[in-house]
Amino acid sequence: MTIRYTPELLEYMDKKNNHTILVELVEIQNTDLEVVDLHVYLPHPRQKEKFLQEKKYRKVTTDVGDVLLPSYPLQIEEEVTFGLKKMWIFTSLSCEGIKI
């Protein structure tokens, strides 16, 4: 698996002094509806340790930093690209190459 980062994301990670990406599986269960989605973000260092130790996420080390992936079986393509999305003043991370 090859992990790539967009230049905008690299600049944002340097600005935030955080080089860990967390790919979290989010489940919303309602009596009528169940939604499962991926949430990709830069975790706080304490949160990183919690996901590694308590939730048993696996760590993939890259030349930029770490990517934490859940133990849930995901469809991961050979090339994964992380990027930065901006909408007005809000910033979020994007991911191509990982699906539920």
C-alpha atoms as a PDB file:
ATOM      1  CA  MET A   1       0.000   0.000   0.000  1.00  0.00           C
ATOM      2  CA  THR A   2       1.304   3.419  -1.002  1.00  0.00           C
ATOM      3  CA  ILE A   3       0.129   6.409   1.033  1.00  0.00           C
ATOM      4  CA  ARG A   4       0.268   9.857  -0.527  1.00  0.00           C
ATOM      5  CA  TYR A   5      -0.450  13.305   0.911  1.00  0.00           C
ATOM      6  CA  THR A   6      -1.470  16.409  -1.011  1.00  0.00           C
ATOM      7  CA  PRO A   7       0.827  19.452  -0.598  1.00  0.00           C
ATOM      8  CA  GLU A   8      -2.009  21.384   1.090  1.00  0.00           C
ATOM      9  CA  LEU A   9      -2.424  18.650   3.685  1.00  0.00           C
ATOM     10  CA  LEU A  10       1.319  18.498   4.369  1.00  0.00           C
ATOM     11  CA  GLU A  11       1.359  22.247   4.958  1.00  0.00           C
ATOM     12  CA  TYR A  12      -1.685  21.988   7.264  1.00  0.00           C
ATOM     13  CA  MET A  13      -0.096  19.115   9.231  1.00  0.00           C
ATOM     14  CA  ASP A  14       3.097  21.154   9.709  1.00  0.00           C
ATOM     15  CA  LYS A  15       1.047  24.157  10.830  1.00  0.00           C
ATOM     16  CA  LYS A  16      -0.839  22.034  13.380  1.00  0.00           C
ATOM     17  CA  ASN A  17       2.349  20.143  14.379  1.00  0.00           C
ATOM     18  CA  ASN A  18       0.429  16.878  14.047  1.00  0.00           C
ATOM     19  CA  HIS A  19       1.539  14.184  11.613  1.00  0.00           C
ATOM     20  CA  THR A  20      -0.908  11.418  12.557  1.00  0.00           C
ATOM     21  CA  ILE A  21      -4.044  10.663  10.567  1.00  0.00           C
ATOM     22  CA  LEU A  22      -6.843   8.674  12.189  1.00  0.00           C
ATOM     23  CA  VAL A  23      -9.339   6.798  10.022  1.00  0.00           C
ATOM     24  CA  GLU A  24     -12.243   6.106  12.366  1.00  0.00           C
ATOM     25  CA  LEU A  25     -15.288   4.006  11.656  1.00  0.00           C
ATOM     26  CA  VAL A  26     -18.401   5.895  12.786  1.00  0.00           C
ATOM     27  CA  GLU A  27     -21.697   4.052  13.257  1.00  0.00           C
ATOM     28  CA  ILE A  28     -25.039   5.748  13.772  1.00  0.00           C
ATOM     29  CA  GLN A  29     -27.800   3.381  14.776  1.00  0.00           C
ATOM     30  CA  ASN A  30     -31.396   4.392  14.910  1.00  0.00           C
ATOM     31  CA  THR A  31     -34.431   2.159  15.156  1.00  0.00           C
ATOM     32  CA  ASP A  32     -35.200   2.745  11.471  1.00  0.00           C
ATOM     33  CA  LEU A  33     -31.786   3.480  10.035  1.00  0.00           C
ATOM     34  CA  GLU A  34     -28.175   2.410  10.391  1.00  0.00           C
ATOM     35  CA  VAL A  35     -25.364   4.475   8.875  1.00  0.00           C
ATOM     36  CA  VAL A  36     -21.688   3.528   8.790  1.00  0.00           C
ATOM     37  CA  ASP A  37     -19.109   6.001   7.523  1.00  0.00           C
ATOM     38  CA  LEU A  38     -15.409   6.818   7.745  1.00  0.00           C
ATOM     39  CA  HIS A  39     -14.246   9.890   9.647  1.00  0.00           C
ATOM     40  CA  VAL A  40     -10.690  11.024   8.805  1.00  0.00           C
ATOM     41  CA  TYR A  41      -8.940  13.586  11.013  1.00  0.00           C
ATOM     42  CA  LEU A  42      -5.800  14.552  12.946  1.00  0.00           C
ATOM     43  CA  PRO A  43      -6.151  13.158  16.486  1.00  0.00           C
ATOM     44  CA  HIS A  44      -4.876  14.629  19.728  1.00  0.00           C
ATOM     45  CA  PRO A  45      -1.788  12.695  21.023  1.00  0.00           C
ATOM     46  CA  ARG A  46      -3.758  11.246  23.971  1.00  0.00           C
ATOM     47  CA  GLN A  47      -6.497  10.165  21.588  1.00  0.00           C
ATOM     48  CA  LYS A  48      -3.893   8.480  19.392  1.00  0.00           C
ATOM     49  CA  GLU A  49      -2.693   6.363  22.315  1.00  0.00           C
ATOM     50  CA  LYS A  50      -6.257   5.437  23.270  1.00  0.00           C
ATOM     51  CA  PHE A  51      -7.024   4.187  19.766  1.00  0.00           C
ATOM     52  CA  LEU A  52      -3.789   2.183  19.631  1.00  0.00           C
ATOM     53  CA  GLN A  53      -4.049   0.586  23.070  1.00  0.00           C
ATOM     54  CA  GLU A  54      -7.757   0.317  23.864  1.00  0.00           C
ATOM     55  CA  LYS A  55      -9.377   0.072  20.446  1.00  0.00           C
ATOM     56  CA  LYS A  56      -6.534  -1.965  18.899  1.00  0.00           C
ATOM     57  CA  TYR A  57      -6.116   0.182  15.785  1.00  0.00           C
ATOM     58  CA  ARG A  58      -3.165  -0.706  13.608  1.00  0.00           C
ATOM     59  CA  LYS A  59      -0.473   1.836  12.846  1.00  0.00           C
ATOM     60  CA  VAL A  60       0.949   2.279   9.361  1.00  0.00           C
ATOM     61  CA  THR A  61       4.127   4.356   9.448  1.00  0.00           C
ATOM     62  CA  THR A  62       4.905   6.573   6.457  1.00  0.00           C
ATOM     63  CA  ASP A  63       7.722   9.013   5.710  1.00  0.00           C
ATOM     64  CA  VAL A  64       5.434  11.862   6.899  1.00  0.00           C
ATOM     65  CA  GLY A  65       3.887  10.291  10.007  1.00  0.00           C
ATOM     66  CA  ASP A  66       1.469   7.588  11.117  1.00  0.00           C
ATOM     67  CA  VAL A  67      -1.894   6.485   9.782  1.00  0.00           C
ATOM     68  CA  LEU A  68      -4.157   4.685  12.261  1.00  0.00           C
ATOM     69  CA  LEU A  69      -6.579   2.188  10.744  1.00  0.00           C
ATOM     70  CA  PRO A  70      -9.376   0.283  12.498  1.00  0.00           C
ATOM     71  CA  SER A  71      -9.323  -3.489  12.833  1.00  0.00           C
ATOM     72  CA  TYR A  72     -12.623  -3.504  10.913  1.00  0.00           C
ATOM     73  CA  PRO A  73     -12.062  -5.033   7.434  1.00  0.00           C
ATOM     74  CA  LEU A  74     -11.887  -2.118   5.012  1.00  0.00           C
ATOM     75  CA  GLN A  75     -11.442  -2.119   1.248  1.00  0.00           C
ATOM     76  CA  ILE A  76      -8.025  -0.508   0.850  1.00  0.00           C
ATOM     77  CA  GLU A  77      -6.692   0.099  -2.631  1.00  0.00           C
ATOM     78  CA  GLU A  78      -3.001  -0.121  -3.512  1.00  0.00           C
ATOM     79  CA  GLU A  79      -2.716   3.696  -3.506  1.00  0.00           C
ATOM     80  CA  VAL A  80      -4.338   5.806  -0.763  1.00  0.00           C
ATOM     81  CA  THR A  81      -4.343   9.606  -0.997  1.00  0.00           C
ATOM     82  CA  PHE A  82      -5.116  11.954   1.882  1.00  0.00           C
ATOM     83  CA  GLY A  83      -6.008  15.551   1.132  1.00  0.00           C
ATOM     84  CA  LEU A  84      -7.463  18.701   2.616  1.00  0.00           C
ATOM     85  CA  LYS A  85     -10.985  20.016   1.990  1.00  0.00           C
ATOM     86  CA  LYS A  86     -11.911  23.601   2.778  1.00  0.00           C
ATOM     87  CA  MET A  87     -15.407  25.008   2.938  1.00  0.00           C
ATOM     88  CA  TRP A  88     -15.577  28.642   4.017  1.00  0.00           C
ATOM     89  CA  ILE A  89     -13.630  28.664   7.304  1.00  0.00           C
ATOM     90  CA  PHE A  90     -13.980  24.917   7.947  1.00  0.00           C
ATOM     91  CA  THR A  91     -11.232  22.431   7.174  1.00  0.00           C
ATOM     92  CA  SER A  92     -11.495  18.660   6.980  1.00  0.00           C
ATOM     93  CA  LEU A  93      -9.455  15.788   5.628  1.00  0.00           C
ATOM     94  CA  SER A  94     -10.365  13.757   2.566  1.00  0.00           C
ATOM     95  CA  CYS A  95      -9.401  10.204   1.736  1.00  0.00           C
ATOM     96  CA  GLU A  96      -9.347   8.359  -1.568  1.00  0.00           C
ATOM     97  CA  GLY A  97      -8.631   4.650  -1.720  1.00  0.00           C
ATOM     98  CA  ILE A  98     -10.278   3.452   1.494  1.00  0.00           C
ATOM     99  CA  LYS A  99     -13.883   2.248   1.551  1.00  0.00           C
ATOM    100  CA  ILE A 100     -16.120   0.418   3.961  1.00  0.00           C
END
